[in-house]
Amino acid sequence: MPHNPPAASFLDITGDVCPMTYVKTKIALEDLAPGEVLAVLLRGTEPLRNVTQSCTLDGHTVLRQDSGEDGCTRILIRRGTDD
């Protein structure tokens, strides 16, 4: 299993629905320096798909995603550079 850096920040969006899930994730990523990692906890397949796809399109890297039996998924996202 590859080593992942510790998260600089944590965001719980389990109570939110799309599109707010990505809006809150985007704002949290903007508060980080390029290269820092954000841990996001979300619930459901639609938020998971939307957040991971939107992050990738915006130049960030999804490092890992771990799904729990409770329907929640924890993802680690490395903020991309501002280039």
PDB file of N, CA and C in Angstrom:
ATOM      1  N   MET A   1       0.848  -1.180   0.000  1.00  0.00           N
ATOM      2  CA  MET A   1       0.000   0.000   0.000  1.00  0.00           C
ATOM      3  C   MET A   1       0.891   1.240   0.000  1.00  0.00           C
ATOM      4  N   PRO A   2       0.672   2.178  -0.928  1.00  0.00           N
ATOM      5  CA  PRO A   2       1.516   3.359  -1.008  1.00  0.00           C
ATOM      6  C   PRO A   2       1.302   4.272   0.194  1.00  0.00           C
ATOM      7  N   HIS A   3       2.369   4.962   0.565  1.00  0.00           N
ATOM      8  CA  HIS A   3       2.296   5.913   1.672  1.00  0.00           C
ATOM      9  C   HIS A   3       1.593   7.184   1.210  1.00  0.00           C
ATOM     10  N   ASN A   4       0.672   7.652   2.008  1.00  0.00           N
ATOM     11  CA  ASN A   4       0.000   8.917   1.733  1.00  0.00           C
ATOM     12  C   ASN A   4       0.361   9.907   2.824  1.00  0.00           C
ATOM     13  N   PRO A   5       0.598  11.155   2.458  1.00  0.00           N
ATOM     14  CA  PRO A   5       0.952  12.156   3.461  1.00  0.00           C
ATOM     15  C   PRO A   5      -0.240  12.446   4.376  1.00  0.00           C
ATOM     16  N   PRO A   6       0.034  12.946   5.575  1.00  0.00           N
ATOM     17  CA  PRO A   6      -1.073  13.289   6.466  1.00  0.00           C
ATOM     18  C   PRO A   6      -1.875  14.460   5.899  1.00  0.00           C
ATOM     19  N   ALA A   7      -3.146  14.480   6.235  1.00  0.00           N
ATOM     20  CA  ALA A   7      -4.018  15.553   5.752  1.00  0.00           C
ATOM     21  C   ALA A   7      -3.742  16.835   6.522  1.00  0.00           C
ATOM     22  N   ALA A   8      -3.693  17.943   5.805  1.00  0.00           N
ATOM     23  CA  ALA A   8      -3.522  19.256   6.422  1.00  0.00           C
ATOM     24  C   ALA A   8      -4.853  19.768   6.964  1.00  0.00           C
ATOM     25  N   SER A   9      -5.950  19.238   6.423  1.00  0.00           N
ATOM     26  CA  SER A   9      -7.276  19.698   6.820  1.00  0.00           C
ATOM     27  C   SER A   9      -8.285  18.573   6.608  1.00  0.00           C
ATOM     28  N   PHE A  10      -9.416  18.653   7.315  1.00  0.00           N
ATOM     29  CA  PHE A  10     -10.472  17.650   7.231  1.00  0.00           C
ATOM     30  C   PHE A  10     -11.796  18.337   6.974  1.00  0.00           C
ATOM     31  N   LEU A  11     -12.611  17.751   6.076  1.00  0.00           N
ATOM     32  CA  LEU A  11     -13.915  18.298   5.729  1.00  0.00           C
ATOM     33  C   LEU A  11     -14.953  17.191   5.778  1.00  0.00           C
ATOM     34  N   ASP A  12     -16.006  17.394   6.558  1.00  0.00           N
ATOM     35  CA  ASP A  12     -17.110  16.434   6.651  1.00  0.00           C
ATOM     36  C   ASP A  12     -18.302  17.009   5.881  1.00  0.00           C
ATOM     37  N   ILE A  13     -18.618  16.378   4.740  1.00  0.00           N
ATOM     38  CA  ILE A  13     -19.754  16.832   3.933  1.00  0.00           C
ATOM     39  C   ILE A  13     -20.811  15.733   3.833  1.00  0.00           C
ATOM     40  N   THR A  14     -20.878  14.879   4.866  1.00  0.00           N
ATOM     41  CA  THR A  14     -21.841  13.780   4.842  1.00  0.00           C
ATOM     42  C   THR A  14     -23.279  14.267   4.881  1.00  0.00           C
ATOM     43  N   GLY A  15     -23.517  15.461   5.381  1.00  0.00           N
ATOM     44  CA  GLY A  15     -24.876  15.989   5.455  1.00  0.00           C
ATOM     45  C   GLY A  15     -25.253  16.872   4.288  1.00  0.00           C
ATOM     46  N   ASP A  16     -24.364  17.000   3.311  1.00  0.00           N
ATOM     47  CA  ASP A  16     -24.603  17.885   2.165  1.00  0.00           C
ATOM     48  C   ASP A  16     -24.966  17.093   0.920  1.00  0.00           C
ATOM     49  N   VAL A  17     -25.614  17.765  -0.032  1.00  0.00           N
ATOM     50  CA  VAL A  17     -25.962  17.157  -1.317  1.00  0.00           C
ATOM     51  C   VAL A  17     -25.307  17.957  -2.434  1.00  0.00           C
ATOM     52  N   CYS A  18     -25.213  17.328  -3.593  1.00  0.00           N
ATOM     53  CA  CYS A  18     -24.632  17.982  -4.767  1.00  0.00           C
ATOM     54  C   CYS A  18     -25.544  19.150  -5.174  1.00  0.00           C
ATOM     55  N   PRO A  19     -25.007  20.244  -5.627  1.00  0.00           N
ATOM     56  CA  PRO A  19     -23.598  20.525  -5.910  1.00  0.00           C
ATOM     57  C   PRO A  19     -22.809  21.078  -4.729  1.00  0.00           C
ATOM     58  N   MET A  20     -23.454  21.233  -3.566  1.00  0.00           N
ATOM     59  CA  MET A  20     -22.746  21.820  -2.418  1.00  0.00           C
ATOM     60  C   MET A  20     -21.566  20.972  -1.959  1.00  0.00           C
ATOM     61  N   THR A  21     -21.618  19.662  -2.220  1.00  0.00           N
ATOM     62  CA  THR A  21     -20.499  18.817  -1.809  1.00  0.00           C
ATOM     63  C   THR A  21     -19.209  19.292  -2.463  1.00  0.00           C
ATOM     64  N   TYR A  22     -19.248  19.569  -3.764  1.00  0.00           N
ATOM     65  CA  TYR A  22     -18.020  20.023  -4.409  1.00  0.00           C
ATOM     66  C   TYR A  22     -17.719  21.482  -4.101  1.00  0.00           C
ATOM     67  N   VAL A  23     -18.733  22.309  -3.965  1.00  0.00           N
ATOM     68  CA  VAL A  23     -18.495  23.717  -3.634  1.00  0.00           C
ATOM     69  C   VAL A  23     -17.705  23.809  -2.328  1.00  0.00           C
ATOM     70  N   LYS A  24     -18.127  23.074  -1.308  1.00  0.00           N
ATOM     71  CA  LYS A  24     -17.424  23.100  -0.022  1.00  0.00           C
ATOM     72  C   LYS A  24     -16.031  22.501  -0.146  1.00  0.00           C
ATOM     73  N   THR A  25     -15.887  21.450  -0.950  1.00  0.00           N
ATOM     74  CA  THR A  25     -14.572  20.839  -1.158  1.00  0.00           C
ATOM     75  C   THR A  25     -13.635  21.815  -1.858  1.00  0.00           C
ATOM     76  N   LYS A  26     -14.139  22.499  -2.865  1.00  0.00           N
ATOM     77  CA  LYS A  26     -13.324  23.460  -3.618  1.00  0.00           C
ATOM     78  C   LYS A  26     -12.840  24.597  -2.713  1.00  0.00           C
ATOM     79  N   ILE A  27     -13.737  25.104  -1.866  1.00  0.00           N
ATOM     80  CA  ILE A  27     -13.361  26.176  -0.946  1.00  0.00           C
ATOM     81  C   ILE A  27     -12.288  25.687   0.026  1.00  0.00           C
ATOM     82  N   ALA A  28     -12.458  24.466   0.549  1.00  0.00           N
ATOM     83  CA  ALA A  28     -11.467  23.909   1.485  1.00  0.00           C
ATOM     84  C   ALA A  28     -10.116  23.729   0.797  1.00  0.00           C
ATOM     85  N   LEU A  29     -10.119  23.295  -0.460  1.00  0.00           N
ATOM     86  CA  LEU A  29      -8.858  23.131  -1.193  1.00  0.00           C
ATOM     87  C   LEU A  29      -8.186  24.477  -1.436  1.00  0.00           C
ATOM     88  N   GLU A  30      -8.966  25.514  -1.692  1.00  0.00           N
ATOM     89  CA  GLU A  30      -8.402  26.849  -1.931  1.00  0.00           C
ATOM     90  C   GLU A  30      -7.703  27.392  -0.694  1.00  0.00           C
ATOM     91  N   ASP A  31      -8.090  26.912   0.496  1.00  0.00           N
ATOM     92  CA  ASP A  31      -7.453  27.351   1.735  1.00  0.00           C
ATOM     93  C   ASP A  31      -6.121  26.655   1.992  1.00  0.00           C
ATOM     94  N   LEU A  32      -5.800  25.641   1.200  1.00  0.00           N
ATOM     95  CA  LEU A  32      -4.550  24.899   1.368  1.00  0.00           C
ATOM     96  C   LEU A  32      -3.489  25.407   0.402  1.00  0.00           C
ATOM     97  N   ALA A  33      -2.246  25.163   0.748  1.00  0.00           N
ATOM     98  CA  ALA A  33      -1.128  25.464  -0.155  1.00  0.00           C
ATOM     99  C   ALA A  33      -1.042  24.343  -1.189  1.00  0.00           C
ATOM    100  N   PRO A  34      -0.544  24.654  -2.391  1.00  0.00           N
ATOM    101  CA  PRO A  34      -0.356  23.593  -3.380  1.00  0.00           C
ATOM    102  C   PRO A  34       0.465  22.445  -2.791  1.00  0.00           C
ATOM    103  N   GLY A  35       0.005  21.222  -3.033  1.00  0.00           N
ATOM    104  CA  GLY A  35       0.688  20.037  -2.536  1.00  0.00           C
ATOM    105  C   GLY A  35       0.146  19.523  -1.215  1.00  0.00           C
ATOM    106  N   GLU A  36      -0.594  20.353  -0.477  1.00  0.00           N
ATOM    107  CA  GLU A  36      -1.166  19.898   0.783  1.00  0.00           C
ATOM    108  C   GLU A  36      -2.362  18.982   0.516  1.00  0.00           C
ATOM    109  N   VAL A  37      -2.702  18.187   1.523  1.00  0.00           N
ATOM    110  CA  VAL A  37      -3.737  17.166   1.358  1.00  0.00           C
ATOM    111  C   VAL A  37      -4.966  17.496   2.201  1.00  0.00           C
ATOM    112  N   LEU A  38      -6.124  17.307   1.591  1.00  0.00           N
ATOM    113  CA  LEU A  38      -7.417  17.482   2.246  1.00  0.00           C
ATOM    114  C   LEU A  38      -8.071  16.119   2.386  1.00  0.00           C
ATOM    115  N   ALA A  39      -8.522  15.791   3.596  1.00  0.00           N
ATOM    116  CA  ALA A  39      -9.308  14.584   3.821  1.00  0.00           C
ATOM    117  C   ALA A  39     -10.780  14.983   3.810  1.00  0.00           C
ATOM    118  N   VAL A  40     -11.572  14.283   3.014  1.00  0.00           N
ATOM    119  CA  VAL A  40     -12.990  14.589   2.884  1.00  0.00           C
ATOM    120  C   VAL A  40     -13.806  13.347   3.240  1.00  0.00           C
ATOM    121  N   LEU A  41     -14.804  13.525   4.084  1.00  0.00           N
ATOM    122  CA  LEU A  41     -15.732  12.462   4.415  1.00  0.00           C
ATOM    123  C   LEU A  41     -17.064  12.795   3.776  1.00  0.00           C
ATOM    124  N   LEU A  42     -17.569  11.887   2.929  1.00  0.00           N
ATOM    125  CA  LEU A  42     -18.828  12.130   2.229  1.00  0.00           C
ATOM    126  C   LEU A  42     -19.679  10.876   2.240  1.00  0.00           C
ATOM    127  N   ARG A  43     -20.944  11.028   1.838  1.00  0.00           N
ATOM    128  CA  ARG A  43     -21.873   9.903   1.850  1.00  0.00           C
ATOM    129  C   ARG A  43     -22.576   9.812   0.497  1.00  0.00           C
ATOM    130  N   GLY A  44     -22.586   8.617  -0.073  1.00  0.00           N
ATOM    131  CA  GLY A  44     -23.333   8.365  -1.298  1.00  0.00           C
ATOM    132  C   GLY A  44     -22.473   8.322  -2.545  1.00  0.00           C
ATOM    133  N   THR A  45     -23.033   7.683  -3.577  1.00  0.00           N
ATOM    134  CA  THR A  45     -22.277   7.521  -4.820  1.00  0.00           C
ATOM    135  C   THR A  45     -22.228   8.796  -5.651  1.00  0.00           C
ATOM    136  N   GLU A  46     -23.301   9.576  -5.663  1.00  0.00           N
ATOM    137  CA  GLU A  46     -23.301  10.809  -6.468  1.00  0.00           C
ATOM    138  C   GLU A  46     -22.272  11.819  -5.961  1.00  0.00           C
ATOM    139  N   PRO A  47     -22.239  12.126  -4.660  1.00  0.00           N
ATOM    140  CA  PRO A  47     -21.186  13.034  -4.180  1.00  0.00           C
ATOM    141  C   PRO A  47     -19.780  12.494  -4.434  1.00  0.00           C
ATOM    142  N   LEU A  48     -19.592  11.192  -4.263  1.00  0.00           N
ATOM    143  CA  LEU A  48     -18.276  10.611  -4.510  1.00  0.00           C
ATOM    144  C   LEU A  48     -17.861  10.818  -5.958  1.00  0.00           C
ATOM    145  N   ARG A  49     -18.742  10.516  -6.877  1.00  0.00           N
ATOM    146  CA  ARG A  49     -18.438  10.683  -8.302  1.00  0.00           C
ATOM    147  C   ARG A  49     -18.194  12.152  -8.641  1.00  0.00           C
ATOM    148  N   ASN A  50     -19.075  13.032  -8.180  1.00  0.00           N
ATOM    149  CA  ASN A  50     -18.953  14.450  -8.525  1.00  0.00           C
ATOM    150  C   ASN A  50     -17.708  15.098  -7.929  1.00  0.00           C
ATOM    151  N   VAL A  51     -17.425  14.810  -6.662  1.00  0.00           N
ATOM    152  CA  VAL A  51     -16.265  15.426  -6.008  1.00  0.00           C
ATOM    153  C   VAL A  51     -14.969  14.932  -6.640  1.00  0.00           C
ATOM    154  N   THR A  52     -14.848  13.626  -6.854  1.00  0.00           N
ATOM    155  CA  THR A  52     -13.587  13.110  -7.411  1.00  0.00           C
ATOM    156  C   THR A  52     -13.382  13.575  -8.853  1.00  0.00           C
ATOM    157  N   GLN A  53     -14.437  13.552  -9.664  1.00  0.00           N
ATOM    158  CA  GLN A  53     -14.297  13.998 -11.055  1.00  0.00           C
ATOM    159  C   GLN A  53     -13.985  15.491 -11.127  1.00  0.00           C
ATOM    160  N   SER A  54     -14.681  16.299 -10.336  1.00  0.00           N
ATOM    161  CA  SER A  54     -14.457  17.748 -10.368  1.00  0.00           C
ATOM    162  C   SER A  54     -13.066  18.106  -9.864  1.00  0.00           C
ATOM    163  N   CYS A  55     -12.603  17.420  -8.830  1.00  0.00           N
ATOM    164  CA  CYS A  55     -11.253  17.680  -8.326  1.00  0.00           C
ATOM    165  C   CYS A  55     -10.205  17.373  -9.390  1.00  0.00           C
ATOM    166  N   THR A  56     -10.370  16.248 -10.053  1.00  0.00           N
ATOM    167  CA  THR A  56      -9.427  15.863 -11.105  1.00  0.00           C
ATOM    168  C   THR A  56      -9.447  16.875 -12.246  1.00  0.00           C
ATOM    169  N   LEU A  57     -10.623  17.291 -12.659  1.00  0.00           N
ATOM    170  CA  LEU A  57     -10.739  18.285 -13.734  1.00  0.00           C
ATOM    171  C   LEU A  57     -10.115  19.621 -13.348  1.00  0.00           C
ATOM    172  N   ASP A  58     -10.149  19.952 -12.056  1.00  0.00           N
ATOM    173  CA  ASP A  58      -9.569  21.208 -11.580  1.00  0.00           C
ATOM    174  C   ASP A  58      -8.068  21.106 -11.320  1.00  0.00           C
ATOM    175  N   GLY A  59      -7.463  19.937 -11.593  1.00  0.00           N
ATOM    176  CA  GLY A  59      -6.018  19.807 -11.473  1.00  0.00           C
ATOM    177  C   GLY A  59      -5.528  19.257 -10.147  1.00  0.00           C
ATOM    178  N   HIS A  60      -6.442  18.764  -9.313  1.00  0.00           N
ATOM    179  CA  HIS A  60      -6.061  18.162  -8.044  1.00  0.00           C
ATOM    180  C   HIS A  60      -5.915  16.650  -8.246  1.00  0.00           C
ATOM    181  N   THR A  61      -5.321  15.977  -7.271  1.00  0.00           N
ATOM    182  CA  THR A  61      -5.090  14.536  -7.372  1.00  0.00           C
ATOM    183  C   THR A  61      -5.811  13.806  -6.245  1.00  0.00           C
ATOM    184  N   VAL A  62      -6.660  12.860  -6.613  1.00  0.00           N
ATOM    185  CA  VAL A  62      -7.300  12.011  -5.620  1.00  0.00           C
ATOM    186  C   VAL A  62      -6.312  10.896  -5.302  1.00  0.00           C
ATOM    187  N   LEU A  63      -5.796  10.907  -4.077  1.00  0.00           N
ATOM    188  CA  LEU A  63      -4.758   9.957  -3.674  1.00  0.00           C
ATOM    189  C   LEU A  63      -5.331   8.626  -3.232  1.00  0.00           C
ATOM    190  N   ARG A  64      -6.489   8.673  -2.603  1.00  0.00           N
ATOM    191  CA  ARG A  64      -7.035   7.459  -2.010  1.00  0.00           C
ATOM    192  C   ARG A  64      -8.510   7.648  -1.701  1.00  0.00           C
ATOM    193  N   GLN A  65      -9.264   6.554  -1.746  1.00  0.00           N
ATOM    194  CA  GLN A  65     -10.634   6.577  -1.271  1.00  0.00           C
ATOM    195  C   GLN A  65     -10.932   5.266  -0.562  1.00  0.00           C
ATOM    196  N   ASP A  66     -11.484   5.395   0.619  1.00  0.00           N
ATOM    197  CA  ASP A  66     -11.814   4.247   1.452  1.00  0.00           C
ATOM    198  C   ASP A  66     -13.290   4.319   1.810  1.00  0.00           C
ATOM    199  N   SER A  67     -14.039   3.300   1.407  1.00  0.00           N
ATOM    200  CA  SER A  67     -15.466   3.258   1.697  1.00  0.00           C
ATOM    201  C   SER A  67     -15.727   2.406   2.927  1.00  0.00           C
ATOM    202  N   GLY A  68     -16.621   2.902   3.776  1.00  0.00           N
ATOM    203  CA  GLY A  68     -17.004   2.168   4.973  1.00  0.00           C
ATOM    204  C   GLY A  68     -18.351   1.497   4.790  1.00  0.00           C
ATOM    205  N   GLU A  69     -18.664   0.589   5.681  1.00  0.00           N
ATOM    206  CA  GLU A  69     -19.936  -0.123   5.612  1.00  0.00           C
ATOM    207  C   GLU A  69     -21.117   0.785   5.926  1.00  0.00           C
ATOM    208  N   ASP A  70     -20.857   1.960   6.497  1.00  0.00           N
ATOM    209  CA  ASP A  70     -21.921   2.897   6.853  1.00  0.00           C
ATOM    210  C   ASP A  70     -22.358   3.770   5.675  1.00  0.00           C
ATOM    211  N   GLY A  71     -21.792   3.538   4.497  1.00  0.00           N
ATOM    212  CA  GLY A  71     -22.138   4.324   3.319  1.00  0.00           C
ATOM    213  C   GLY A  71     -21.304   5.573   3.146  1.00  0.00           C
ATOM    214  N   CYS A  72     -20.387   5.811   4.070  1.00  0.00           N
ATOM    215  CA  CYS A  72     -19.505   6.975   3.982  1.00  0.00           C
ATOM    216  C   CYS A  72     -18.189   6.581   3.312  1.00  0.00           C
ATOM    217  N   THR A  73     -17.608   7.532   2.626  1.00  0.00           N
ATOM    218  CA  THR A  73     -16.313   7.337   1.981  1.00  0.00           C
ATOM    219  C   THR A  73     -15.384   8.449   2.424  1.00  0.00           C
ATOM    220  N   ARG A  74     -14.146   8.085   2.734  1.00  0.00           N
ATOM    221  CA  ARG A  74     -13.111   9.065   3.072  1.00  0.00           C
ATOM    222  C   ARG A  74     -12.164   9.125   1.888  1.00  0.00           C
ATOM    223  N   ILE A  75     -11.985  10.327   1.355  1.00  0.00           N
ATOM    224  CA  ILE A  75     -11.050  10.496   0.248  1.00  0.00           C
ATOM    225  C   ILE A  75      -9.951  11.478   0.642  1.00  0.00           C
ATOM    226  N   LEU A  76      -8.778  11.244   0.105  1.00  0.00           N
ATOM    227  CA  LEU A  76      -7.646  12.144   0.283  1.00  0.00           C
ATOM    228  C   LEU A  76      -7.369  12.817  -1.050  1.00  0.00           C
ATOM    229  N   ILE A  77      -7.311  14.139  -1.034  1.00  0.00           N
ATOM    230  CA  ILE A  77      -7.108  14.923  -2.255  1.00  0.00           C
ATOM    231  C   ILE A  77      -5.896  15.821  -2.058  1.00  0.00           C
ATOM    232  N   ARG A  78      -4.938  15.721  -2.968  1.00  0.00           N
ATOM    233  CA  ARG A  78      -3.769  16.620  -2.943  1.00  0.00           C
ATOM    234  C   ARG A  78      -4.080  17.815  -3.828  1.00  0.00           C
ATOM    235  N   ARG A  79      -3.936  19.002  -3.246  1.00  0.00           N
ATOM    236  CA  ARG A  79      -4.185  20.220  -4.017  1.00  0.00           C
ATOM    237  C   ARG A  79      -3.139  20.362  -5.105  1.00  0.00           C
ATOM    238  N   GLY A  80      -3.598  20.705  -6.293  1.00  0.00           N
ATOM    239  CA  GLY A  80      -2.705  20.922  -7.416  1.00  0.00           C
ATOM    240  C   GLY A  80      -2.010  22.266  -7.320  1.00  0.00           C
ATOM    241  N   THR A  81      -1.108  22.500  -8.239  1.00  0.00           N
ATOM    242  CA  THR A  81      -0.413  23.788  -8.269  1.00  0.00           C
ATOM    243  C   THR A  81      -1.311  24.829  -8.906  1.00  0.00           C
ATOM    244  N   ASP A  82      -0.931  26.069  -8.751  1.00  0.00           N
ATOM    245  CA  ASP A  82      -1.729  27.155  -9.310  1.00  0.00           C
ATOM    246  C   ASP A  82      -1.354  27.480 -10.750  1.00  0.00           C
ATOM    247  N   ASP A  83      -0.487  26.674 -11.349  1.00  0.00           N
ATOM    248  CA  ASP A  83      -0.019  26.947 -12.721  1.00  0.00           C
ATOM    249  C   ASP A  83      -1.138  26.795 -13.732  1.00  0.00           C
TER     250      ASP A  83
END
